């Protein structure tokens, strides 16, 4: 195996934006589904149940955090120091935390209801939440890896 200079892939800003918008759309669909579920729960129970409100707020913050984090990947470089860049980058915790909430609390923790009595819905509902949460976390991981590759110089972006 010969060690030498490795060709670094070069993308234009519009190509990086297209990749980020595709990943954002893949994150947005599970967030939208969770938002609809949370909205139905809030309308049905009149804000008296915290889970519906948590899912509603979490889905909204996840979508906003995904957009803000993709802006920070495109706009701010590694060497630039800016408070706005810091806040936009830290907004990436919202989709990750919301995805973990869906996987672990709404997903795995809901399997405990199978111990009380068996129902097909009690089996399917946690599986759906696990798939939605996993989709959010895995696609957001790809988005952050793209940003990391750009920062480390493994991918070059031309203006």
C-alpha atoms as a PDB file:
ATOM      1  CA  UNK A   1       0.000   0.000   0.000  1.00  0.00           C
ATOM      2  CA  UNK A   2       1.476   3.284  -1.032  1.00  0.00           C
ATOM      3  CA  UNK A   3       1.211   6.222   1.305  1.00  0.00           C
ATOM      4  CA  UNK A   4       1.085   9.485  -0.475  1.00  0.00           C
ATOM      5  CA  UNK A   5      -0.985  12.535  -0.983  1.00  0.00           C
ATOM      6  CA  UNK A   6      -4.682  11.727  -0.846  1.00  0.00           C
ATOM      7  CA  UNK A   7      -7.065  13.534  -3.147  1.00  0.00           C
ATOM      8  CA  UNK A   8      -9.488  15.595  -1.094  1.00  0.00           C
ATOM      9  CA  UNK A   9     -13.010  15.752  -2.545  1.00  0.00           C
ATOM     10  CA  UNK A  10     -14.051  19.275  -3.465  1.00  0.00           C
ATOM     11  CA  UNK A  11     -17.691  20.331  -3.311  1.00  0.00           C
ATOM     12  CA  UNK A  12     -19.349  23.616  -4.044  1.00  0.00           C
ATOM     13  CA  UNK A  13     -21.397  25.349  -1.379  1.00  0.00           C
ATOM     14  CA  UNK A  14     -24.593  24.540  -3.252  1.00  0.00           C
ATOM     15  CA  UNK A  15     -23.730  20.819  -3.275  1.00  0.00           C
ATOM     16  CA  UNK A  16     -23.121  20.870   0.485  1.00  0.00           C
ATOM     17  CA  UNK A  17     -26.411  22.731   0.945  1.00  0.00           C
ATOM     18  CA  UNK A  18     -28.190  20.080  -1.130  1.00  0.00           C
ATOM     19  CA  UNK A  19     -26.706  17.296   1.012  1.00  0.00           C
ATOM     20  CA  UNK A  20     -27.658  19.110   4.213  1.00  0.00           C
ATOM     21  CA  UNK A  21     -31.189  19.785   2.982  1.00  0.00           C
ATOM     22  CA  UNK A  22     -31.602  16.102   2.085  1.00  0.00           C
ATOM     23  CA  UNK A  23     -30.435  15.061   5.556  1.00  0.00           C
ATOM     24  CA  UNK A  24     -32.653  17.741   7.105  1.00  0.00           C
ATOM     25  CA  UNK A  25     -35.637  16.347   5.238  1.00  0.00           C
ATOM     26  CA  UNK A  26     -34.874  12.876   6.531  1.00  0.00           C
ATOM     27  CA  UNK A  27     -34.804  14.307  10.066  1.00  0.00           C
ATOM     28  CA  UNK A  28     -37.877  16.439   9.447  1.00  0.00           C
ATOM     29  CA  UNK A  29     -40.243  13.602   8.569  1.00  0.00           C
ATOM     30  CA  UNK A  30     -40.041  11.790  11.946  1.00  0.00           C
ATOM     31  CA  UNK A  31     -40.173  15.147  13.722  1.00  0.00           C
ATOM     32  CA  UNK A  32     -43.293  16.053  11.747  1.00  0.00           C
ATOM     33  CA  UNK A  33     -44.932  12.726  12.610  1.00  0.00           C
ATOM     34  CA  UNK A  34     -44.121  13.234  16.306  1.00  0.00           C
ATOM     35  CA  UNK A  35     -45.407  16.825  16.060  1.00  0.00           C
ATOM     36  CA  UNK A  36     -48.758  15.641  14.686  1.00  0.00           C
ATOM     37  CA  UNK A  37     -49.012  13.044  17.482  1.00  0.00           C
ATOM     38  CA  UNK A  38     -48.145  15.658  20.112  1.00  0.00           C
ATOM     39  CA  UNK A  39     -50.654  18.118  18.652  1.00  0.00           C
ATOM     40  CA  UNK A  40     -53.416  15.522  18.771  1.00  0.00           C
ATOM     41  CA  UNK A  41     -52.516  14.671  22.381  1.00  0.00           C
ATOM     42  CA  UNK A  42     -52.502  18.336  23.419  1.00  0.00           C
ATOM     43  CA  UNK A  43     -55.863  19.025  21.742  1.00  0.00           C
ATOM     44  CA  UNK A  44     -57.372  15.862  23.173  1.00  0.00           C
ATOM     45  CA  UNK A  45     -56.173  16.289  26.761  1.00  0.00           C
ATOM     46  CA  UNK A  46     -56.073  20.125  26.941  1.00  0.00           C
ATOM     47  CA  UNK A  47     -52.451  20.502  28.084  1.00  0.00           C
ATOM     48  CA  UNK A  48     -53.122  18.334  31.124  1.00  0.00           C
ATOM     49  CA  UNK A  49     -50.728  15.623  30.013  1.00  0.00           C
ATOM     50  CA  UNK A  50     -47.030  16.450  29.949  1.00  0.00           C
ATOM     51  CA  UNK A  51     -46.073  13.833  27.331  1.00  0.00           C
ATOM     52  CA  UNK A  52     -48.054  15.426  24.517  1.00  0.00           C
ATOM     53  CA  UNK A  53     -46.624  18.845  25.291  1.00  0.00           C
ATOM     54  CA  UNK A  54     -43.096  17.427  25.570  1.00  0.00           C
ATOM     55  CA  UNK A  55     -43.377  15.736  22.189  1.00  0.00           C
ATOM     56  CA  UNK A  56     -44.868  18.881  20.624  1.00  0.00           C
ATOM     57  CA  UNK A  57     -42.119  21.167  21.961  1.00  0.00           C
ATOM     58  CA  UNK A  58     -39.381  18.594  21.314  1.00  0.00           C
ATOM     59  CA  UNK A  59     -40.370  18.118  17.687  1.00  0.00           C
ATOM     60  CA  UNK A  60     -40.472  21.875  17.121  1.00  0.00           C
ATOM     61  CA  UNK A  61     -37.105  22.470  18.768  1.00  0.00           C
ATOM     62  CA  UNK A  62     -35.613  19.541  16.852  1.00  0.00           C
ATOM     63  CA  UNK A  63     -36.646  20.983  13.514  1.00  0.00           C
ATOM     64  CA  UNK A  64     -35.346  24.421  14.473  1.00  0.00           C
ATOM     65  CA  UNK A  65     -32.125  22.906  15.830  1.00  0.00           C
ATOM     66  CA  UNK A  66     -31.572  20.928  12.641  1.00  0.00           C
ATOM     67  CA  UNK A  67     -31.947  24.056  10.525  1.00  0.00           C
ATOM     68  CA  UNK A  68     -29.703  26.103  12.823  1.00  0.00           C
ATOM     69  CA  UNK A  69     -27.022  23.423  12.919  1.00  0.00           C
ATOM     70  CA  UNK A  70     -26.977  23.103   9.134  1.00  0.00           C
ATOM     71  CA  UNK A  71     -26.578  26.901   8.908  1.00  0.00           C
ATOM     72  CA  UNK A  72     -23.615  26.712  11.276  1.00  0.00           C
ATOM     73  CA  UNK A  73     -21.993  24.024   9.103  1.00  0.00           C
ATOM     74  CA  UNK A  74     -22.304  26.152   5.977  1.00  0.00           C
ATOM     75  CA  UNK A  75     -21.703  29.616   7.390  1.00  0.00           C
ATOM     76  CA  UNK A  76     -19.076  29.310  10.117  1.00  0.00           C
ATOM     77  CA  UNK A  77     -15.642  27.805   9.644  1.00  0.00           C
ATOM     78  CA  UNK A  78     -13.588  26.084  12.337  1.00  0.00           C
ATOM     79  CA  UNK A  79     -11.163  28.976  12.868  1.00  0.00           C
ATOM     80  CA  UNK A  80     -13.808  31.698  13.056  1.00  0.00           C
ATOM     81  CA  UNK A  81     -14.881  32.659  16.559  1.00  0.00           C
ATOM     82  CA  UNK A  82     -18.434  33.862  16.963  1.00  0.00           C
ATOM     83  CA  UNK A  83     -21.055  33.567  19.666  1.00  0.00           C
ATOM     84  CA  UNK A  84     -23.704  33.088  17.004  1.00  0.00           C
ATOM     85  CA  UNK A  85     -21.747  30.155  15.583  1.00  0.00           C
ATOM     86  CA  UNK A  86     -21.503  28.623  19.058  1.00  0.00           C
ATOM     87  CA  UNK A  87     -25.236  28.929  19.697  1.00  0.00           C
ATOM     88  CA  UNK A  88     -26.107  27.582  16.263  1.00  0.00           C
ATOM     89  CA  UNK A  89     -23.790  24.620  16.771  1.00  0.00           C
ATOM     90  CA  UNK A  90     -25.125  23.916  20.263  1.00  0.00           C
ATOM     91  CA  UNK A  91     -28.660  23.879  18.895  1.00  0.00           C
ATOM     92  CA  UNK A  92     -27.738  20.466  17.513  1.00  0.00           C
ATOM     93  CA  UNK A  93     -28.355  18.992  20.954  1.00  0.00           C
ATOM     94  CA  UNK A  94     -32.130  19.396  20.532  1.00  0.00           C
ATOM     95  CA  UNK A  95     -32.587  16.775  17.789  1.00  0.00           C
ATOM     96  CA  UNK A  96     -30.214  14.407  19.545  1.00  0.00           C
ATOM     97  CA  UNK A  97     -31.956  14.723  22.924  1.00  0.00           C
ATOM     98  CA  UNK A  98     -35.402  14.466  21.346  1.00  0.00           C
ATOM     99  CA  UNK A  99     -34.389  11.358  19.409  1.00  0.00           C
ATOM    100  CA  UNK A 100     -33.013   9.789  22.598  1.00  0.00           C
ATOM    101  CA  UNK A 101     -36.249  10.692  24.415  1.00  0.00           C
ATOM    102  CA  UNK A 102     -38.266   8.941  21.719  1.00  0.00           C
ATOM    103  CA  UNK A 103     -36.049   5.846  21.671  1.00  0.00           C
ATOM    104  CA  UNK A 104     -35.532   5.302  25.368  1.00  0.00           C
ATOM    105  CA  UNK A 105     -38.597   6.765  27.082  1.00  0.00           C
ATOM    106  CA  UNK A 106     -41.391   6.456  24.540  1.00  0.00           C
ATOM    107  CA  UNK A 107     -39.834   3.330  23.029  1.00  0.00           C
ATOM    108  CA  UNK A 108     -38.017   0.981  25.374  1.00  0.00           C
ATOM    109  CA  UNK A 109     -39.635   2.205  28.583  1.00  0.00           C
ATOM    110  CA  UNK A 110     -43.117   1.692  27.113  1.00  0.00           C
ATOM    111  CA  UNK A 111     -42.470  -2.032  26.768  1.00  0.00           C
ATOM    112  CA  UNK A 112     -43.123  -2.263  30.525  1.00  0.00           C
ATOM    113  CA  UNK A 113     -46.857  -2.062  29.778  1.00  0.00           C
ATOM    114  CA  UNK A 114     -46.583  -5.501  28.163  1.00  0.00           C
ATOM    115  CA  UNK A 115     -45.997  -6.913  31.653  1.00  0.00           C
ATOM    116  CA  UNK A 116     -49.477  -5.768  32.736  1.00  0.00           C
ATOM    117  CA  UNK A 117     -51.390  -7.145  29.780  1.00  0.00           C
ATOM    118  CA  UNK A 118     -50.594  -8.063  26.213  1.00  0.00           C
ATOM    119  CA  UNK A 119     -51.936  -6.060  23.316  1.00  0.00           C
ATOM    120  CA  UNK A 120     -50.817  -5.707  19.722  1.00  0.00           C
ATOM    121  CA  UNK A 121     -50.855  -1.905  20.053  1.00  0.00           C
ATOM    122  CA  UNK A 122     -48.683  -2.088  23.199  1.00  0.00           C
ATOM    123  CA  UNK A 123     -46.172  -4.016  21.125  1.00  0.00           C
ATOM    124  CA  UNK A 124     -46.270  -1.878  17.973  1.00  0.00           C
ATOM    125  CA  UNK A 125     -46.377   1.597  19.547  1.00  0.00           C
ATOM    126  CA  UNK A 126     -42.942   1.420  21.244  1.00  0.00           C
ATOM    127  CA  UNK A 127     -41.442  -0.078  18.091  1.00  0.00           C
ATOM    128  CA  UNK A 128     -42.703   2.898  16.063  1.00  0.00           C
ATOM    129  CA  UNK A 129     -41.224   5.363  18.577  1.00  0.00           C
ATOM    130  CA  UNK A 130     -37.903   3.513  18.518  1.00  0.00           C
ATOM    131  CA  UNK A 131     -37.778   3.679  14.710  1.00  0.00           C
ATOM    132  CA  UNK A 132     -38.687   7.390  14.628  1.00  0.00           C
ATOM    133  CA  UNK A 133     -36.141   8.290  17.298  1.00  0.00           C
ATOM    134  CA  UNK A 134     -33.430   6.178  15.693  1.00  0.00           C
ATOM    135  CA  UNK A 135     -34.068   7.863  12.353  1.00  0.00           C
ATOM    136  CA  UNK A 136     -33.629  11.304  13.928  1.00  0.00           C
ATOM    137  CA  UNK A 137     -30.431  10.381  15.763  1.00  0.00           C
ATOM    138  CA  UNK A 138     -28.819   8.487  12.866  1.00  0.00           C
ATOM    139  CA  UNK A 139     -29.520  11.170  10.252  1.00  0.00           C
ATOM    140  CA  UNK A 140     -28.364  13.912  12.599  1.00  0.00           C
ATOM    141  CA  UNK A 141     -25.176  11.925  13.176  1.00  0.00           C
ATOM    142  CA  UNK A 142     -24.562  11.949   9.428  1.00  0.00           C
ATOM    143  CA  UNK A 143     -25.109  15.713   9.399  1.00  0.00           C
ATOM    144  CA  UNK A 144     -22.596  16.298  12.182  1.00  0.00           C
ATOM    145  CA  UNK A 145     -20.074  13.976  10.519  1.00  0.00           C
ATOM    146  CA  UNK A 146     -20.350  16.035   7.341  1.00  0.00           C
ATOM    147  CA  UNK A 147     -19.601  19.187   9.342  1.00  0.00           C
ATOM    148  CA  UNK A 148     -16.706  17.475  11.082  1.00  0.00           C
ATOM    149  CA  UNK A 149     -15.256  16.312   7.766  1.00  0.00           C
ATOM    150  CA  UNK A 150     -15.384  19.862   6.460  1.00  0.00           C
ATOM    151  CA  UNK A 151     -13.737  21.241   9.621  1.00  0.00           C
ATOM    152  CA  UNK A 152     -10.972  18.621   9.610  1.00  0.00           C
ATOM    153  CA  UNK A 153     -10.228  19.238   5.934  1.00  0.00           C
ATOM    154  CA  UNK A 154     -11.288  15.813   4.656  1.00  0.00           C
ATOM    155  CA  UNK A 155     -13.804  17.610   2.440  1.00  0.00           C
ATOM    156  CA  UNK A 156     -13.061  20.949   0.790  1.00  0.00           C
ATOM    157  CA  UNK A 157     -15.848  23.434   0.110  1.00  0.00           C
ATOM    158  CA  UNK A 158     -15.363  26.080  -2.574  1.00  0.00           C
ATOM    159  CA  UNK A 159     -17.277  29.282  -2.181  1.00  0.00           C
END
